[in-house]
Amino acid sequence: MPRRLNFRIRQFLGNNVMQTIANNILFGAAHEELSEGRSVLIRVQGQSMLPFFRSGAKVRIEPLREEDIRRGNVLFAQTDEGHYLIHRLIGFEGEDRVTLMGDGNYVGTESIARARLFGCVRISALHRWLALGWVALRPVRKIPLIILHKVCRK
């Protein structure tokens, strides 16, 4: 059963405090939990993973296994600059790096060292196959994404 990060954040802030937590604090706590072998639940913020994950959706991230590092899987990672993200693996760059990209992006990818991959979002086989089709549409998905971003904006 995944551990909810709210408990750790409440310990940090106190039980009666309602506050937005900076991503680096929340994701840092998630990274720590994953490194200890526990899965975590995180609420997605932003539109970088549309149409598969809307802002506010909860995702379960489990500690990374070697077999999770394959095209189509959604990974929890840290960039070389120290920013955490949850994006889909779209390619490999040799033995030690992978390319990640948000489903809601039509340009812009991240090159991530394999050592900075920490977790995998659990998705169904159908989700993975639909997402691979979406990745294949990358050259022509700009217009659907513009519409989705406007419709899903909060």
Protein backbone atom coordinates (compact mmCIF):
# COMPACT_ATOMS: atom_id res chain seq x y z
CA MET A 1 0.00 0.00 0.00
CA PRO A 2 1.49 3.39 -0.94
CA ARG A 3 2.42 5.81 1.77
CA ARG A 4 0.77 9.19 1.50
CA LEU A 5 3.23 12.04 1.59
CA ASN A 6 0.70 14.22 3.41
CA PHE A 7 1.72 12.57 6.69
CA ARG A 8 5.35 13.54 6.27
CA ILE A 9 4.44 17.04 5.11
CA ARG A 10 2.11 17.50 8.13
CA GLN A 11 4.98 16.45 10.38
CA PHE A 12 7.11 19.10 8.69
CA LEU A 13 4.49 21.89 8.78
CA GLY A 14 2.21 20.91 11.68
CA ASN A 15 -1.26 19.36 11.49
CA ASN A 16 -3.29 22.57 11.29
CA VAL A 17 -1.37 24.28 8.52
CA MET A 18 -2.82 24.30 5.00
CA GLN A 19 -0.12 25.36 2.60
CA THR A 20 1.06 24.70 -0.92
CA ILE A 21 4.28 22.73 -0.80
CA ALA A 22 7.08 23.53 -3.22
CA ASN A 23 7.72 20.72 -5.69
CA ASN A 24 11.31 20.28 -4.55
CA ILE A 25 10.14 19.54 -0.97
CA LEU A 26 7.29 17.23 -1.99
CA PHE A 27 9.29 15.41 -4.64
CA GLY A 28 12.31 15.23 -2.34
CA ALA A 29 10.14 13.41 0.22
CA ALA A 30 8.80 11.15 -2.56
CA HIS A 31 12.36 10.37 -3.68
CA GLU A 32 13.28 9.42 -0.11
CA GLU A 33 10.24 7.13 0.26
CA LEU A 34 10.96 5.44 -3.09
CA SER A 35 14.63 4.93 -2.20
CA GLU A 36 13.43 3.12 0.96
CA GLY A 37 11.32 0.79 -1.18
CA ARG A 38 7.90 2.34 -0.51
CA SER A 39 5.43 3.53 -3.14
CA VAL A 40 3.84 6.99 -2.94
CA LEU A 41 0.69 8.77 -4.12
CA ILE A 42 1.15 12.19 -5.69
CA ARG A 43 -1.43 14.60 -7.05
CA VAL A 44 -0.38 15.78 -10.52
CA GLN A 45 -0.06 19.55 -10.99
CA GLY A 46 0.04 21.24 -14.37
CA GLN A 47 -0.78 20.19 -17.90
CA SER A 48 2.45 18.61 -19.09
CA MET A 49 0.93 15.10 -19.05
CA LEU A 50 -2.36 15.83 -20.84
CA PRO A 51 -4.37 14.02 -22.17
CA PHE A 52 -3.50 11.05 -19.94
CA PHE A 53 -3.12 12.81 -16.57
CA ARG A 54 -5.08 16.00 -15.86
CA SER A 55 -4.01 18.45 -13.19
CA GLY A 56 -5.33 17.14 -9.88
CA ALA A 57 -5.20 13.45 -10.83
CA LYS A 58 -3.57 11.12 -8.31
CA VAL A 59 -0.82 8.81 -9.53
CA ARG A 60 0.80 5.90 -7.73
CA ILE A 61 4.57 5.80 -8.09
CA GLU A 62 6.41 2.62 -7.20
CA PRO A 63 10.14 2.13 -6.73
CA LEU A 64 11.87 1.69 -10.08
CA ARG A 65 12.75 -1.78 -11.31
CA GLU A 66 15.06 -2.38 -14.26
CA GLU A 67 12.17 -3.77 -16.34
CA ASP A 68 10.29 -0.47 -15.87
CA ILE A 69 12.83 1.34 -18.04
CA ARG A 70 11.06 0.91 -21.38
CA ARG A 71 9.37 3.12 -23.94
CA GLY A 72 5.89 4.22 -22.99
CA ASN A 73 6.29 4.01 -19.22
CA VAL A 74 5.84 7.12 -17.07
CA LEU A 75 8.86 7.66 -14.83
CA PHE A 76 9.63 9.82 -11.81
CA ALA A 77 13.06 11.36 -12.37
CA GLN A 78 15.39 14.23 -11.55
CA THR A 79 17.06 16.41 -14.18
CA ASP A 80 20.77 17.25 -14.10
CA GLU A 81 19.70 20.67 -12.75
CA GLY A 82 17.94 19.02 -9.79
CA HIS A 83 14.30 19.46 -10.90
CA TYR A 84 11.95 16.53 -10.36
CA LEU A 85 9.42 15.51 -13.00
CA ILE A 86 6.97 12.80 -13.97
CA HIS A 87 7.18 12.26 -17.74
CA ARG A 88 7.01 9.46 -20.28
CA LEU A 89 10.09 7.62 -21.56
CA ILE A 90 10.25 8.10 -25.33
CA GLY A 91 13.80 7.02 -26.18
CA PHE A 92 17.28 5.93 -25.18
CA GLU A 93 20.57 7.79 -25.51
CA GLY A 94 23.20 5.11 -25.32
CA GLU A 95 23.64 2.99 -22.21
CA ASP A 96 23.38 5.59 -19.47
CA ARG A 97 20.76 8.19 -20.52
CA VAL A 98 17.10 8.23 -21.54
CA THR A 99 14.82 10.81 -23.15
CA LEU A 100 11.63 11.80 -21.34
CA MET A 101 8.80 14.00 -22.59
CA GLY A 102 5.50 15.16 -21.16
CA ASP A 103 2.47 13.94 -23.09
CA GLY A 104 1.14 17.51 -23.07
CA ASN A 105 4.26 18.91 -24.73
CA TYR A 106 4.76 19.03 -28.47
CA VAL A 107 8.34 20.25 -28.22
CA GLY A 108 10.89 19.95 -25.47
CA THR A 109 12.36 16.76 -24.10
CA GLU A 110 14.55 15.99 -21.12
CA SER A 111 17.76 13.99 -21.26
CA ILE A 112 18.01 12.11 -17.95
CA ALA A 113 20.81 9.92 -16.58
CA ARG A 114 19.57 6.42 -15.71
CA ALA A 115 20.94 6.95 -12.20
CA ARG A 116 18.37 9.77 -11.78
CA LEU A 117 15.33 7.57 -12.50
CA PHE A 118 13.63 6.76 -9.18
CA GLY A 119 10.11 5.47 -9.76
CA CYS A 120 7.51 4.30 -12.24
CA VAL A 121 3.86 5.35 -12.37
CA ARG A 122 1.65 2.28 -12.47
CA ILE A 123 -0.49 2.34 -15.62
CA SER A 124 -2.57 -0.26 -17.42
CA ALA A 125 -1.37 -2.03 -20.56
CA LEU A 126 -4.10 -0.22 -22.52
CA HIS A 127 -2.91 3.15 -21.20
CA ARG A 128 0.65 2.32 -22.26
CA TRP A 129 -0.39 1.32 -25.80
CA LEU A 130 -2.60 4.40 -26.23
CA ALA A 131 0.26 6.55 -24.98
CA LEU A 132 2.68 5.00 -27.47
CA GLY A 133 0.22 5.93 -30.23
CA TRP A 134 0.08 9.47 -28.82
CA VAL A 135 3.89 9.64 -28.84
CA ALA A 136 3.88 8.53 -32.50
CA LEU A 137 1.55 11.47 -33.27
CA ARG A 138 4.13 13.92 -31.94
CA PRO A 139 4.67 15.72 -35.27
CA VAL A 140 0.94 16.54 -35.61
CA ARG A 141 -0.34 16.79 -32.05
CA LYS A 142 0.20 20.54 -31.62
CA ILE A 143 -3.39 21.53 -32.51
CA PRO A 144 -5.10 18.90 -30.31
CA LEU A 145 -2.81 19.95 -27.46
CA ILE A 146 -3.65 23.64 -27.85
CA ILE A 147 -7.35 22.75 -27.60
CA LEU A 148 -6.78 20.42 -24.62
CA HIS A 149 -4.76 23.04 -22.76
CA LYS A 150 -7.56 25.59 -23.19
CA VAL A 151 -10.32 23.15 -22.21
CA CYS A 152 -8.48 21.74 -19.18
CA ARG A 153 -7.13 25.03 -17.85
CA LYS A 154 -8.24 25.65 -14.27
